[in-house]
Amino acid sequence: MENKLAWPARADGKPLCIAHRGASAHATENTARAFAVAAELGADMWEIDVYLTRDGVAVVSHDDKLERIFGAEGRIADLDLAEIRARAPDLPTLDETIELAKRFDQGLYVEVKVRGAGRVTERRLADAGFTRAVISSFIVEEIRDLSEGERRYPLAILVPLGVDPFGWAELSRADIIHLCWEDGGDGRPQDLVTPELLSRAKERGLGVVLWHEERRAVLDEIEKLPVNGICTNNPEMMARLDAAEALGISVVCHRGANRFAPENTLAAAQLAFQQGAHYVEIDVRESADGELVVIHDPTVDRTTNGTGRVDEMTAAELRSLDAGSWFSPHFSGERIPLLSEAIDVARSHGRKLYVENKSVDAERLVRFIEDAGFLGECFFWSGNAALQEGMRAVSNKARIKSSLCDYSGVEPMRAHLAPEIAEILFEDYRNFAPACIEAGMVPMLQYFGDDPAVFEEIVSLRPPMINLDRADLLLRACRAGNHVSGQT
């Protein structure tokens, strides 16, 4: 669709990624944390909801009450801002959210929830000099009122299932029809967005924005449609690492997407795979009763609400611990995973694992993964020399990674265990990667930092593999030049 609207447009022509209430799958919805995470995960805009307090301040909340999100009593319309601050300090004002969007270079897609909030929203955006915004609502009369006089921002009418979008567009005088049809089409809502509908919208000069979508198969189809934007709770599912893959770079996420979710949890693994990572690195230990569990430290103290050594606790005791609250209340109840669960998650995404053996008998670990039918979908390493050598001895089919920093050079590393993968620190990569390739090993660049300039250099190096903490920064470097820009 040729975008003639005065709203943000992507330079690459793809639909905008509109983070629904921020990255609401990974942080408390409609909070500063959710918005910041959305920006880092590659969103172009944040979808936010606006109510008015009793004293007329525009605040960002989907619900008219504080209870569901903040566990506090009270209706927003019945409380002054000061009272809301005392009960729900993380509930942001619209002004605060505008300033945050400026800082993160994000657009705002504002849904006004009550009559009168539209004009307040329009005024606050204009007074802040904020241009990359859309104002939307399910309330036809509210959008129509905003259409009167000078139109400062594009207007979107939110259209539920069973309603004629063009009828509502005419009644509201909206610029955009926003189809909230995620529950339609017998599981295939994309079938409702017909060529005829899109053609009719184009003829009438209407933009089209689609519902919040988190189903991979549905997203894959609607991202190909000529629409202006798609909402999602999981912006990483639209801002994937395809650009890195196109450069021939396989991405390994160290302990999962550990910036956005608690390390070595299923949540961190899921997020990394949804970003498009090819591998997730996990650390494996053995419980007191012989279960293989995923945790980095020898004790549970740092990453759970418990204390004690992993090898002195049963799997049931380990699984009873909260492995998420230390990171964020949003991840309260996250558990220490079993290795079998990590394999299942990787398999469900058609992806792979990098298994770091912390303390498990070499044969036990390799045979466990072999019996799971996953031996060809992972590679191994251990900082314990005996375990490292033991895993190689167990099976010549086991894919071994060695670290160059443990050897005096490339040839001694190759001769020792004939590893398939050679890990090289960023600062050494240029000097040693060619020799690793010549010796028949795949060089894997390791960089656990967060310097954007380093990621730009990494993209220029195009390593076949990279082990990192910040896949989001790699994606940003890969996409450099394809940024969102204002368009009229």
Foldseek 3Di string as FASTA:
>chain_A
DPDQFQAWAWLVLWAFEEAEQALVVQAQGVFLVSNVVNLLLPGQAYEWEWDAACVGFTWTDPDQADCPRQNFGDGRNDHDPVVCCVRPVRTGTPLVVQVSCVVSVHAYEYEYEDAPVLVVNVVSCVVVVHQNYEYEYCDLVRLQVCPPDDNRHAYEHEDEPPDDQVVSCVSNVGQEYEYQQCPDDVNQSVVVCDPVVVVVCVVVNHAYEYHADDDLVNCVVVSPDSGRHYYYSQSLLVLAPVLLVVLLEAEEAEQALCVRFPGQFLVRPLNRVSNPHQEYEWEWDAACVGFIWTDDDQWCPQQWPDTDGRNDHDPVVQQVTFRGVSPPPSSGNTGTGTPVVSVVSQVVSVHAYEYEYEDDQLLVVQVVCVVVVRQQRYAYDYPDVVSLVRVLVNDVSHAYEDEQVVDPALVVVCVPRVHQEYEYELVCCVVHQVVCVVSNHQYEYEDADDDLVSLLVCSVVSRNYYYYNRVSSVSCSSCPPRHMDGDD
